[in-house]
Amino acid sequence: MNRVRVDRLAGRRVLVTGAAGTFGRQLCADLVAAGARVVGVDRQPGTGPDGVPVLGADLTDPDTVGPAVTAAVDRLGGLDLLVNNAGVGGPAPAELPPDETVRQQLEVNLLGAWRVTAAALPALEAARGRVVFVASRMALLPLPLAAAYGVSKRALVAYADALRHEVGSHVGVSVVYPSMVASPIHDSTAEAGLSLSGVSRLEPVTGVIRAILYAATAPRAPRDVATTGRGRVELALARHAPALADRIVRRTVRARLAAGDLDGAPLAAGMVRRHRDPSTRP
């Protein structure tokens, strides 16, 4: 179990994106409880837990990101920690042309985090601070019918890796890999009949928050942080035995197809048709 040094958060100046979301609200509350000074950024401005100010910004709009980050840094008097937590999901089969759902996920999950980080880097470098990216286990262990999410999160990891090479001597860069957490981010997928139930195991929000806080307080910024013991195994499998990981995913998905779980999902029609065509067995 990764040890969180809560005492190292006292007085830290922290910016959290997606502060009004499932992870963001709990993260802000836990940071404040540990003595950190926190400002949030979200599409929905207002006041978060324990009076945390949440500034309004649309991460898909470059014109709003810079001013919001500048306002947050000014209010905090500097910046020690940036948590790129904001994210969106939704169904997006890889076999279909990219649509607005795909564009939005790439804009928020990848480019939004990139914009915020670039705007925050001067303050982070001055403080020898850290940036934590909340990615997804799907960045390394992709699932069908959710291509945009997996692609955006894998690209986010690639961005973090490049950033580490550029600024790692002065700014710690970590990536956290949650699995599936009960959250509104999955609503549109469930409504499309593409629930991940039976494919991805739910984990508690507290484990994700703990992983973020570990990345923020470890003596040296860890490169990659899993959120559960199972997650560590899955990440190792995806990195070192990708063919085996693919077989496990395919077996699980075939079981759902055989059970008829995706029969009523129009976006899964191609997979259902191919599954029932004996001439196309791999």
Protein backbone atom coordinates (compact mmCIF):
# COMPACT_ATOMS: atom_id res chain seq x y z
CA MET A 1 0.00 0.00 0.00
CA ASN A 2 1.42 3.39 -1.02
CA ARG A 3 1.94 5.67 1.97
CA VAL A 4 0.42 9.13 1.81
CA ARG A 5 2.44 11.74 3.71
CA VAL A 6 -0.49 13.98 4.64
CA ASP A 7 1.82 16.27 6.63
CA ARG A 8 3.51 17.28 3.38
CA LEU A 9 0.30 18.83 2.10
CA ALA A 10 0.05 21.51 4.79
CA GLY A 11 0.40 24.93 3.19
CA ARG A 12 0.73 23.52 -0.33
CA ARG A 13 -0.88 25.63 -3.05
CA VAL A 14 -2.98 23.36 -5.25
CA LEU A 15 -4.99 23.74 -8.45
CA VAL A 16 -7.52 21.00 -9.27
CA THR A 17 -9.32 20.79 -12.62
CA GLY A 18 -12.74 19.18 -12.79
CA ALA A 19 -13.24 20.35 -9.23
CA ALA A 20 -17.03 20.00 -9.36
CA GLY A 21 -16.92 16.34 -10.43
CA THR A 22 -16.92 13.06 -8.52
CA PHE A 23 -13.16 12.92 -7.97
CA GLY A 24 -12.69 16.67 -7.81
CA ARG A 25 -15.08 17.36 -4.93
CA GLN A 26 -13.61 14.63 -2.74
CA LEU A 27 -10.05 15.54 -3.67
CA CYS A 28 -10.59 19.20 -2.80
CA ALA A 29 -12.14 18.23 0.54
CA ASP A 30 -9.26 15.91 1.43
CA LEU A 31 -6.64 18.47 0.41
CA VAL A 32 -8.24 21.16 2.55
CA ALA A 33 -8.50 18.74 5.48
CA ALA A 34 -4.75 18.14 5.15
CA GLY A 35 -4.03 21.87 5.35
CA ALA A 36 -3.55 22.63 1.67
CA ARG A 37 -4.77 25.82 0.02
CA VAL A 38 -6.90 24.85 -2.95
CA VAL A 39 -8.48 26.53 -5.96
CA GLY A 40 -10.56 24.57 -8.44
CA VAL A 41 -11.36 25.02 -12.11
CA ASP A 42 -14.52 23.65 -13.69
CA ARG A 43 -17.16 24.46 -16.28
CA GLN A 44 -19.46 25.06 -13.31
CA PRO A 45 -17.95 27.88 -11.20
CA GLY A 46 -18.93 28.40 -7.61
CA THR A 47 -17.79 27.24 -4.20
CA GLY A 48 -16.70 23.69 -3.55
CA PRO A 49 -16.27 21.68 -0.34
CA ASP A 50 -14.93 23.63 2.64
CA GLY A 51 -15.24 26.91 0.76
CA VAL A 52 -12.86 26.00 -2.05
CA PRO A 53 -13.27 28.64 -4.80
CA VAL A 54 -14.02 27.05 -8.17
CA LEU A 55 -13.23 29.28 -11.13
CA GLY A 56 -15.12 28.87 -14.38
CA ALA A 57 -13.30 27.74 -17.51
CA ASP A 58 -14.06 25.65 -20.56
CA LEU A 59 -10.97 23.51 -21.12
CA THR A 60 -11.86 23.18 -24.80
CA ASP A 61 -11.56 26.96 -25.21
CA PRO A 62 -7.95 28.19 -25.22
CA ASP A 63 -9.12 31.74 -24.52
CA THR A 64 -10.56 30.80 -21.10
CA VAL A 65 -7.88 28.43 -19.82
CA GLY A 66 -4.95 30.81 -19.50
CA PRO A 67 -6.86 33.53 -17.62
CA ALA A 68 -8.39 30.93 -15.25
CA VAL A 69 -4.99 29.43 -14.41
CA THR A 70 -3.48 32.89 -13.95
CA ALA A 71 -6.33 33.88 -11.63
CA ALA A 72 -5.88 30.69 -9.60
CA VAL A 73 -2.12 31.17 -9.26
CA ASP A 74 -2.59 34.81 -8.27
CA ARG A 75 -5.15 33.86 -5.65
CA LEU A 76 -2.85 31.17 -4.22
CA GLY A 77 0.30 33.28 -4.47
CA GLY A 78 2.06 30.58 -6.48
CA LEU A 79 1.53 26.91 -7.28
CA ASP A 80 3.00 23.75 -5.76
CA LEU A 81 0.68 21.12 -7.22
CA LEU A 82 -1.52 20.81 -10.29
CA VAL A 83 -3.96 17.90 -10.52
CA ASN A 84 -5.30 17.43 -14.04
CA ASN A 85 -8.46 15.61 -13.01
CA ALA A 86 -11.04 16.91 -15.50
CA GLY A 87 -12.29 14.32 -17.96
CA VAL A 88 -15.27 13.22 -20.04
CA GLY A 89 -16.30 9.88 -21.49
CA GLY A 90 -18.87 8.40 -23.82
CA PRO A 91 -19.37 5.58 -26.32
CA ALA A 92 -17.24 5.76 -29.46
CA PRO A 93 -16.69 2.59 -31.54
CA ALA A 94 -13.36 2.63 -33.36
CA GLU A 95 -14.98 1.33 -36.56
CA LEU A 96 -17.21 4.40 -36.94
CA PRO A 97 -16.12 7.85 -38.16
CA PRO A 98 -15.14 10.26 -35.36
CA ASP A 99 -18.01 12.48 -34.30
CA GLU A 100 -18.62 15.24 -31.77
CA THR A 101 -18.37 12.77 -28.88
CA VAL A 102 -14.88 11.80 -30.03
CA ARG A 103 -13.81 15.40 -30.54
CA GLN A 104 -15.00 16.44 -27.10
CA GLN A 105 -13.12 13.63 -25.36
CA LEU A 106 -9.91 14.45 -27.17
CA GLU A 107 -10.37 18.15 -26.47
CA VAL A 108 -11.04 17.77 -22.73
CA ASN A 109 -9.01 14.71 -21.77
CA LEU A 110 -5.90 15.52 -23.78
CA LEU A 111 -5.80 19.09 -25.07
CA GLY A 112 -7.53 20.56 -22.02
CA ALA A 113 -4.94 19.03 -19.70
CA TRP A 114 -2.18 20.16 -22.05
CA ARG A 115 -3.47 23.76 -22.04
CA VAL A 116 -3.80 23.90 -18.26
CA THR A 117 -0.37 22.38 -17.71
CA ALA A 118 1.35 24.73 -20.14
CA ALA A 119 -0.27 27.72 -18.45
CA ALA A 120 0.70 26.49 -14.98
CA LEU A 121 4.28 25.42 -15.71
CA PRO A 122 6.04 28.74 -14.97
CA ALA A 123 4.54 28.79 -11.46
CA LEU A 124 5.20 25.07 -10.93
CA GLU A 125 8.82 25.41 -12.02
CA ALA A 126 9.36 28.39 -9.74
CA ALA A 127 8.08 26.32 -6.80
CA ARG A 128 9.77 23.05 -7.87
CA GLY A 129 6.24 21.66 -7.82
CA ARG A 130 4.43 18.66 -9.22
CA VAL A 131 1.76 17.85 -11.77
CA VAL A 132 -0.45 14.77 -11.49
CA PHE A 133 -2.44 13.50 -14.46
CA VAL A 134 -5.51 11.35 -13.83
CA ALA A 135 -5.48 8.97 -16.79
CA SER A 136 -7.25 5.60 -16.89
CA ARG A 137 -6.32 1.94 -16.96
CA MET A 138 -7.86 2.04 -20.44
CA ALA A 139 -4.81 4.03 -21.52
CA LEU A 140 -2.89 0.75 -21.43
CA LEU A 141 -5.69 -1.81 -21.40
CA PRO A 142 -8.18 -0.52 -24.02
CA LEU A 143 -11.72 -1.79 -24.32
CA PRO A 144 -13.92 -1.94 -27.43
CA LEU A 145 -16.67 0.59 -28.10
CA ALA A 146 -14.87 3.25 -26.05
CA ALA A 147 -12.09 4.12 -28.47
CA ALA A 148 -12.14 7.88 -27.92
CA TYR A 149 -11.68 7.56 -24.18
CA GLY A 150 -8.86 5.04 -24.49
CA VAL A 151 -7.14 7.04 -27.22
CA SER A 152 -7.42 10.31 -25.30
CA LYS A 153 -6.03 8.77 -22.13
CA ARG A 154 -3.21 6.94 -23.89
CA ALA A 155 -2.29 10.21 -25.60
CA LEU A 156 -2.42 11.94 -22.21
CA VAL A 157 0.13 9.43 -20.88
CA ALA A 158 2.35 10.09 -23.91
CA TYR A 159 2.09 13.82 -23.21
CA ALA A 160 3.04 13.27 -19.57
CA ASP A 161 6.03 11.16 -20.62
CA ALA A 162 7.25 13.86 -23.03
CA LEU A 163 6.69 16.55 -20.42
CA ARG A 164 8.73 14.58 -17.88
CA HIS A 165 11.71 14.58 -20.24
CA GLU A 166 11.41 18.33 -20.73
CA VAL A 167 10.73 19.61 -17.21
CA GLY A 168 11.39 16.65 -14.93
CA SER A 169 14.53 18.20 -13.48
CA HIS A 170 12.37 20.94 -11.94
CA VAL A 171 8.77 19.64 -11.90
CA GLY A 172 7.66 16.18 -10.82
CA VAL A 173 5.32 14.47 -13.31
CA SER A 174 3.10 11.54 -12.29
CA VAL A 175 0.24 9.62 -13.90
CA VAL A 176 -2.52 7.88 -11.94
CA TYR A 177 -4.49 5.02 -13.51
CA PRO A 178 -7.99 4.49 -12.07
CA SER A 179 -10.24 1.71 -13.31
CA MET A 180 -14.02 2.15 -13.27
CA VAL A 181 -15.54 4.33 -10.55
CA ALA A 182 -19.27 4.93 -10.15
CA SER A 183 -19.61 8.38 -11.69
CA PRO A 184 -21.78 10.35 -14.14
CA ILE A 185 -18.96 9.98 -16.68
CA HIS A 186 -20.40 6.53 -17.48
CA ASP A 187 -24.02 7.67 -17.90
CA SER A 188 -23.95 8.18 -21.66
CA THR A 189 -22.26 4.81 -22.17
CA ALA A 190 -24.88 3.03 -20.08
CA GLU A 191 -27.69 4.85 -21.91
CA ALA A 192 -26.28 3.54 -25.20
CA GLY A 193 -26.51 -0.02 -23.85
CA LEU A 194 -22.73 -0.28 -23.58
CA SER A 195 -22.28 -0.60 -19.83
CA LEU A 196 -18.83 -1.79 -18.74
CA SER A 197 -20.42 -4.00 -16.09
CA GLY A 198 -18.80 -7.41 -16.26
CA VAL A 199 -15.81 -6.06 -18.18
CA SER A 200 -14.33 -3.57 -15.71
CA ARG A 201 -14.56 -3.86 -11.93
CA LEU A 202 -15.79 -0.94 -9.87
CA GLU A 203 -13.38 0.58 -7.37
CA PRO A 204 -13.98 3.20 -4.67
CA VAL A 205 -13.33 6.90 -5.15
CA THR A 206 -11.21 6.85 -1.99
CA GLY A 207 -8.62 4.63 -3.66
CA VAL A 208 -8.25 7.04 -6.56
CA ILE A 209 -7.88 10.00 -4.20
CA ARG A 210 -5.30 8.12 -2.17
CA ALA A 211 -3.26 7.41 -5.30
CA ILE A 212 -3.34 11.09 -6.29
CA LEU A 213 -2.25 12.18 -2.82
CA TYR A 214 0.53 9.58 -2.82
CA ALA A 215 1.81 10.96 -6.12
CA ALA A 216 1.70 14.44 -4.58
CA THR A 217 3.54 13.56 -1.36
CA ALA A 218 6.01 10.78 -2.17
CA PRO A 219 9.66 11.80 -1.60
CA ARG A 220 10.20 11.58 -5.35
CA ALA A 221 7.39 11.98 -7.86
CA PRO A 222 6.44 8.45 -8.96
CA ARG A 223 6.13 7.88 -12.70
CA ASP A 224 3.01 5.69 -12.71
CA VAL A 225 0.58 4.98 -9.86
CA ALA A 226 -2.10 2.27 -9.88
CA THR A 227 -5.10 2.74 -7.63
CA THR A 228 -5.56 -0.87 -6.45
CA GLY A 229 -3.58 -4.09 -6.16
CA ARG A 230 -5.55 -5.50 -9.08
CA GLY A 231 -4.72 -2.35 -11.00
CA ARG A 232 -0.99 -2.91 -10.49
CA VAL A 233 -1.33 -6.42 -11.91
CA GLU A 234 -3.33 -5.18 -14.90
CA LEU A 235 -0.83 -2.42 -15.66
CA ALA A 236 2.06 -4.86 -15.48
CA LEU A 237 0.20 -7.27 -17.73
CA ALA A 238 -0.59 -4.56 -20.26
CA ARG A 239 3.02 -3.35 -20.35
CA HIS A 240 4.87 -6.67 -20.31
CA ALA A 241 2.42 -9.16 -21.83
CA PRO A 242 0.16 -7.17 -24.15
CA ALA A 243 -0.84 -10.18 -26.24
CA LEU A 244 -2.04 -11.99 -23.13
CA ALA A 245 -3.90 -8.85 -22.00
CA ASP A 246 -5.62 -8.70 -25.40
CA ARG A 247 -6.72 -12.32 -25.11
CA ILE A 248 -8.22 -11.71 -21.69
CA VAL A 249 -10.19 -8.70 -22.94
CA ARG A 250 -11.38 -10.58 -26.05
CA ARG A 251 -12.53 -13.53 -23.97
CA THR A 252 -14.48 -11.26 -21.62
CA VAL A 253 -16.11 -9.35 -24.48
CA ARG A 254 -17.03 -12.57 -26.31
CA ALA A 255 -18.77 -13.80 -23.19
CA ARG A 256 -20.89 -10.65 -23.11
CA LEU A 257 -21.68 -10.99 -26.80
CA ALA A 258 -22.63 -14.63 -26.37
CA ALA A 259 -24.92 -13.71 -23.49
CA GLY A 260 -26.68 -11.15 -25.68
CA ASP A 261 -25.70 -8.24 -23.43
CA LEU A 262 -25.01 -5.97 -26.42
CA ASP A 263 -27.88 -7.03 -28.68
CA GLY A 264 -29.88 -3.88 -27.99
CA ALA A 265 -26.99 -1.45 -28.52
CA PRO A 266 -26.95 0.04 -32.04
CA LEU A 267 -23.33 1.14 -31.66
CA ALA A 268 -22.33 -2.48 -31.02
CA ALA A 269 -24.17 -3.83 -34.08
CA GLY A 270 -20.96 -4.46 -35.99
CA MET A 271 -19.44 -6.49 -33.18
CA VAL A 272 -22.64 -8.47 -32.68
CA ARG A 273 -22.86 -9.26 -36.42
CA ARG A 274 -19.26 -10.37 -36.64
CA HIS A 275 -19.54 -12.46 -33.49
CA ARG A 276 -22.43 -14.41 -35.04
CA ASP A 277 -20.70 -14.90 -38.39
CA PRO A 278 -18.73 -18.19 -38.14
CA SER A 279 -16.73 -17.33 -41.27
CA THR A 280 -15.01 -14.44 -39.52
CA ARG A 281 -13.66 -16.20 -36.44
CA PRO A 282 -10.03 -15.13 -35.80
